[in-house]
Amino acid sequence: MSPTRPAARKTLDQLRSQRWFANEEIRGFAHRQRMQQQGFARESFLGRPCIGILNTWSELSPCHAHLRERAESVKRGILQAGGFPFELPAMSLGEVMVKPTTMIYRNFLAMEAEELLRSLPLDAWC
């Protein structure tokens, strides 16, 4: 069995998020302005990896009740590691409350996760 090599670190200009935010054209300006309109300082997301946190927390999903606090802990860890976290809501599928079963909705959740991650300026996600 061969040892696995650690993944090569990307340079700042190779990050997906920087193609959105660091671009000097009008589109990059618009992306930076939208983030600033939401209250994020430019220094928060420029020059840092942007990490998405998909959260299926819901008041109607008892099995997911702890995910709100867990996401806050993950955010703190991402900030401490030098990244910038973005929390994204995703469909909550708590088996206890969903009838007849969550099984019929799991593919929707998978598609939602894929499209969120594909379409947003994220470098990694959890």
C-alpha atoms as a PDB file:
ATOM      1  CA  MET A   1       0.000   0.000   0.000  1.00  0.00           C
ATOM      2  CA  SER A   2       1.517   3.339  -1.013  1.00  0.00           C
ATOM      3  CA  PRO A   3       1.309   6.331   1.305  1.00  0.00           C
ATOM      4  CA  THR A   4      -1.057   9.065   0.275  1.00  0.00           C
ATOM      5  CA  ARG A   5       0.401  12.439  -0.504  1.00  0.00           C
ATOM      6  CA  PRO A   6      -1.144  15.534   1.026  1.00  0.00           C
ATOM      7  CA  ALA A   7      -3.137  17.643  -1.388  1.00  0.00           C
ATOM      8  CA  ALA A   8      -1.165  20.444  -2.960  1.00  0.00           C
ATOM      9  CA  ARG A   9      -2.084  23.830  -1.560  1.00  0.00           C
ATOM     10  CA  LYS A  10      -3.628  26.220  -4.006  1.00  0.00           C
ATOM     11  CA  THR A  11      -2.252  29.676  -4.388  1.00  0.00           C
ATOM     12  CA  LEU A  12      -4.548  32.584  -3.686  1.00  0.00           C
ATOM     13  CA  ASP A  13      -5.152  33.288  -7.378  1.00  0.00           C
ATOM     14  CA  GLN A  14      -6.205  29.648  -7.917  1.00  0.00           C
ATOM     15  CA  LEU A  15      -9.118  29.838  -5.454  1.00  0.00           C
ATOM     16  CA  ARG A  16     -12.609  29.821  -6.985  1.00  0.00           C
ATOM     17  CA  SER A  17     -13.779  32.522  -4.600  1.00  0.00           C
ATOM     18  CA  GLN A  18     -11.073  34.895  -5.723  1.00  0.00           C
ATOM     19  CA  ARG A  19     -12.252  34.594  -9.324  1.00  0.00           C
ATOM     20  CA  TRP A  20     -15.513  36.109  -8.054  1.00  0.00           C
ATOM     21  CA  PHE A  21     -14.224  38.629  -5.533  1.00  0.00           C
ATOM     22  CA  ALA A  22     -10.710  39.660  -6.621  1.00  0.00           C
ATOM     23  CA  ASN A  23     -11.609  40.199 -10.273  1.00  0.00           C
ATOM     24  CA  GLU A  24     -10.882  43.841 -11.179  1.00  0.00           C
ATOM     25  CA  GLU A  25     -13.632  44.039 -13.795  1.00  0.00           C
ATOM     26  CA  ILE A  26     -17.207  45.247 -13.194  1.00  0.00           C
ATOM     27  CA  ARG A  27     -18.424  41.775 -12.283  1.00  0.00           C
ATOM     28  CA  GLY A  28     -15.875  41.444  -9.477  1.00  0.00           C
ATOM     29  CA  PHE A  29     -16.840  44.910  -8.271  1.00  0.00           C
ATOM     30  CA  ALA A  30     -20.509  43.861  -8.178  1.00  0.00           C
ATOM     31  CA  HIS A  31     -19.728  40.678  -6.219  1.00  0.00           C
ATOM     32  CA  ARG A  32     -17.677  42.614  -3.652  1.00  0.00           C
ATOM     33  CA  GLN A  33     -20.404  45.227  -3.298  1.00  0.00           C
ATOM     34  CA  ARG A  34     -23.110  42.624  -2.701  1.00  0.00           C
ATOM     35  CA  MET A  35     -21.053  41.078   0.073  1.00  0.00           C
ATOM     36  CA  GLN A  36     -20.424  44.473   1.629  1.00  0.00           C
ATOM     37  CA  GLN A  37     -24.154  45.258   1.457  1.00  0.00           C
ATOM     38  CA  GLN A  38     -24.674  42.214   3.666  1.00  0.00           C
ATOM     39  CA  GLY A  39     -22.309  43.665   6.248  1.00  0.00           C
ATOM     40  CA  PHE A  40     -19.140  41.727   5.430  1.00  0.00           C
ATOM     41  CA  ALA A  41     -15.960  43.772   5.435  1.00  0.00           C
ATOM     42  CA  ARG A  42     -13.984  43.407   2.209  1.00  0.00           C
ATOM     43  CA  GLU A  43     -11.017  42.066   4.191  1.00  0.00           C
ATOM     44  CA  SER A  44     -13.204  39.241   5.501  1.00  0.00           C
ATOM     45  CA  PHE A  45     -13.545  37.429   2.190  1.00  0.00           C
ATOM     46  CA  LEU A  46     -10.844  38.906  -0.064  1.00  0.00           C
ATOM     47  CA  GLY A  47      -7.603  36.970   0.006  1.00  0.00           C
ATOM     48  CA  ARG A  48      -9.004  34.145   2.114  1.00  0.00           C
ATOM     49  CA  PRO A  49     -10.474  30.773   1.181  1.00  0.00           C
ATOM     50  CA  CYS A  50     -14.286  30.883   1.358  1.00  0.00           C
ATOM     51  CA  ILE A  51     -15.710  27.773   3.000  1.00  0.00           C
ATOM     52  CA  GLY A  52     -19.377  26.787   2.761  1.00  0.00           C
ATOM     53  CA  ILE A  53     -21.171  25.134   5.656  1.00  0.00           C
ATOM     54  CA  LEU A  54     -24.298  23.321   4.498  1.00  0.00           C
ATOM     55  CA  ASN A  55     -26.698  23.227   7.417  1.00  0.00           C
ATOM     56  CA  THR A  56     -29.867  21.152   7.572  1.00  0.00           C
ATOM     57  CA  TRP A  57     -30.901  22.508  10.973  1.00  0.00           C
ATOM     58  CA  SER A  58     -34.641  22.936  11.474  1.00  0.00           C
ATOM     59  CA  GLU A  59     -36.996  23.342  14.404  1.00  0.00           C
ATOM     60  CA  LEU A  60     -39.051  20.505  12.892  1.00  0.00           C
ATOM     61  CA  SER A  61     -36.120  18.082  12.718  1.00  0.00           C
ATOM     62  CA  PRO A  62     -35.327  16.891  16.248  1.00  0.00           C
ATOM     63  CA  CYS A  63     -32.417  14.826  14.935  1.00  0.00           C
ATOM     64  CA  HIS A  64     -30.853  17.993  13.515  1.00  0.00           C
ATOM     65  CA  ALA A  65     -31.472  20.240  16.538  1.00  0.00           C
ATOM     66  CA  HIS A  66     -27.778  20.336  17.452  1.00  0.00           C
ATOM     67  CA  LEU A  67     -26.647  21.498  13.992  1.00  0.00           C
ATOM     68  CA  ARG A  68     -27.237  25.212  14.652  1.00  0.00           C
ATOM     69  CA  GLU A  69     -24.658  25.225  17.474  1.00  0.00           C
ATOM     70  CA  ARG A  70     -22.370  22.851  15.568  1.00  0.00           C
ATOM     71  CA  ALA A  71     -22.294  25.232  12.589  1.00  0.00           C
ATOM     72  CA  GLU A  72     -21.243  28.084  14.897  1.00  0.00           C
ATOM     73  CA  SER A  73     -18.353  25.984  16.191  1.00  0.00           C
ATOM     74  CA  VAL A  74     -17.321  25.104  12.652  1.00  0.00           C
ATOM     75  CA  LYS A  75     -17.422  28.799  11.696  1.00  0.00           C
ATOM     76  CA  ARG A  76     -15.076  29.659  14.554  1.00  0.00           C
ATOM     77  CA  GLY A  77     -12.673  26.935  13.464  1.00  0.00           C
ATOM     78  CA  ILE A  78     -12.679  28.139   9.856  1.00  0.00           C
ATOM     79  CA  LEU A  79     -11.953  31.707  10.975  1.00  0.00           C
ATOM     80  CA  GLN A  80      -9.122  30.528  13.239  1.00  0.00           C
ATOM     81  CA  ALA A  81      -7.626  28.573  10.341  1.00  0.00           C
ATOM     82  CA  GLY A  82      -7.622  31.685   8.134  1.00  0.00           C
ATOM     83  CA  GLY A  83     -10.682  31.006   6.004  1.00  0.00           C
ATOM     84  CA  PHE A  84     -14.018  32.759   5.772  1.00  0.00           C
ATOM     85  CA  PRO A  85     -17.189  30.721   6.488  1.00  0.00           C
ATOM     86  CA  PHE A  86     -20.537  31.026   4.760  1.00  0.00           C
ATOM     87  CA  GLU A  87     -23.472  29.101   6.205  1.00  0.00           C
ATOM     88  CA  LEU A  88     -25.969  27.829   3.657  1.00  0.00           C
ATOM     89  CA  PRO A  89     -29.364  26.400   4.547  1.00  0.00           C
ATOM     90  CA  ALA A  90     -30.259  23.089   2.985  1.00  0.00           C
ATOM     91  CA  MET A  91     -33.414  20.993   3.048  1.00  0.00           C
ATOM     92  CA  SER A  92     -33.890  19.406   6.449  1.00  0.00           C
ATOM     93  CA  LEU A  93     -35.000  15.794   6.380  1.00  0.00           C
ATOM     94  CA  GLY A  94     -35.880  14.633   9.867  1.00  0.00           C
ATOM     95  CA  GLU A  95     -37.430  11.174   9.594  1.00  0.00           C
ATOM     96  CA  VAL A  96     -39.614  11.705  12.675  1.00  0.00           C
ATOM     97  CA  MET A  97     -41.691  14.545  11.185  1.00  0.00           C
ATOM     98  CA  VAL A  98     -41.598  13.928   7.417  1.00  0.00           C
ATOM     99  CA  LYS A  99     -44.365  11.711   6.104  1.00  0.00           C
ATOM    100  CA  PRO A 100     -44.514   9.235   4.528  1.00  0.00           C
ATOM    101  CA  THR A 101     -40.688   9.003   4.595  1.00  0.00           C
ATOM    102  CA  THR A 102     -37.601  11.110   3.903  1.00  0.00           C
ATOM    103  CA  MET A 103     -36.399   8.516   1.417  1.00  0.00           C
ATOM    104  CA  ILE A 104     -38.344  10.153  -1.425  1.00  0.00           C
ATOM    105  CA  TYR A 105     -36.684  13.541  -0.750  1.00  0.00           C
ATOM    106  CA  ARG A 106     -33.057  12.530  -0.307  1.00  0.00           C
ATOM    107  CA  ASN A 107     -32.276  12.918  -3.993  1.00  0.00           C
ATOM    108  CA  PHE A 108     -33.639  16.492  -3.845  1.00  0.00           C
ATOM    109  CA  LEU A 109     -31.265  17.246  -0.980  1.00  0.00           C
ATOM    110  CA  ALA A 110     -28.328  15.802  -2.916  1.00  0.00           C
ATOM    111  CA  MET A 111     -29.220  17.887  -5.989  1.00  0.00           C
ATOM    112  CA  GLU A 112     -29.672  21.004  -3.860  1.00  0.00           C
ATOM    113  CA  ALA A 113     -26.249  20.517  -2.259  1.00  0.00           C
ATOM    114  CA  GLU A 114     -24.559  19.976  -5.624  1.00  0.00           C
ATOM    115  CA  GLU A 115     -26.127  23.062  -7.188  1.00  0.00           C
ATOM    116  CA  LEU A 116     -25.407  25.290  -4.192  1.00  0.00           C
ATOM    117  CA  LEU A 117     -21.754  24.288  -4.192  1.00  0.00           C
ATOM    118  CA  ARG A 118     -21.376  24.520  -7.959  1.00  0.00           C
ATOM    119  CA  SER A 119     -22.967  27.917  -8.332  1.00  0.00           C
ATOM    120  CA  LEU A 120     -21.443  29.868  -5.444  1.00  0.00           C
ATOM    121  CA  PRO A 121     -17.941  31.299  -4.841  1.00  0.00           C
ATOM    122  CA  LEU A 122     -16.782  28.557  -2.492  1.00  0.00           C
ATOM    123  CA  ASP A 123     -13.360  26.926  -2.290  1.00  0.00           C
ATOM    124  CA  ALA A 124     -14.391  24.088   0.028  1.00  0.00           C
ATOM    125  CA  TRP A 125     -17.414  22.979   1.999  1.00  0.00           C
ATOM    126  CA  CYS A 126     -18.532  20.823   4.870  1.00  0.00           C
END
